[in-house]
Amino acid sequence: MPERDRARTEYRVNCDPEGIIPRIRNFCLDMDGTVYLDNLWIDGAKDFLAKLTATGRKYCFMTNNSSKSASIYVEKLLNMGLVIEPEKQLITSGHATVDYLKRKYPGKRVYLFGNPMVKMEFEERGVLIDEEHPDMVVTSFCTSFHYRDLCRLCDLVREGLPYVATHPDFNCPTKTGFIPDIGSLSAYVEASTGRRPDKVVGKPEAEIIEYAMRTMGAKPEESCVVGDRLYTDVKSGVNNGLYGIFVLSGEAQLEDLPDSDVKPHLIFDSVKEIIPYL
């Protein structure tokens, strides 16, 4: 038997032998690599979403990418033919970070290392942005910074201010490969200051899952995270009392499983293969 076929048999791809999916009423879905690639739906993804709705299940999109505001994602989905309720069906690591800041650091002035649209969204959601006299530092996935912004960030971190990052990803996938994400920024800042973020909020951390459960009105034991990354998507489910479903339509593949400390509950080639079990 070819090695790939042996792996598919060993890991039981495209099946649900323990009847897990009928127990799941709430689906937290990663976006790029899980339901679409760039601007194209993954085959069967829209049918999958329609079946979730038709069977009375809830779903939300949950992304670590904090370089964009919610309106950008809503517009992208609309252009792809899908209308969602953003306050209930779209969760970014930025949203979860705002929630964390308002609960843990109420009223604190924040130096936000981020794109202008993200700074605006933080302010609209009640975070006080102050670049001159901040009480703390928050880093998001910024794609527009100047070197002086990086110097300012390191200065503030070096001063010992509380330091929060929206998510841990080292790279962000694009249609031409990968670009450095916030994890790479954190490594740069650590090399300069000797400090890592005091807190990371996005997948796979508990904060974004707790925020998602409150937003959806969901119970962890009746919920799952579906995604193409083991160390963020699937891990966020497995480590926080939800089911973790691994799809092979994006970044990680079966050959990544033996070296991973994350063991998904279920594995499917894509969300299309989940449809018969709903």
Foldseek 3Di string as FASTA:
>chain_A
DDPVVVLCVVLVALDQVPLQQVLAQEEAEEDDLAQAPPLGGDPQSVVLVVLSVVVNGYYAYEEAALQADLVVVQVSVVVSPDHDDCLQHYHYLLNLVLVVCCVPPNPWEEAEAHDPNSVVVSVVSPHHHDLPDGQAYEYHWHDDDDVVSLVSRLVRVLVPHQYEYSAQDQWDADPVGTDGGVNVSQVVSCVRRVDGHPYYQAFLDPSRVVVNCVSNVHDQCNYEFEDADQRGGQNSNVVHSHAGEHEQRGDDDSVCPVVDPGRGSHYYPHSSSCSVSD
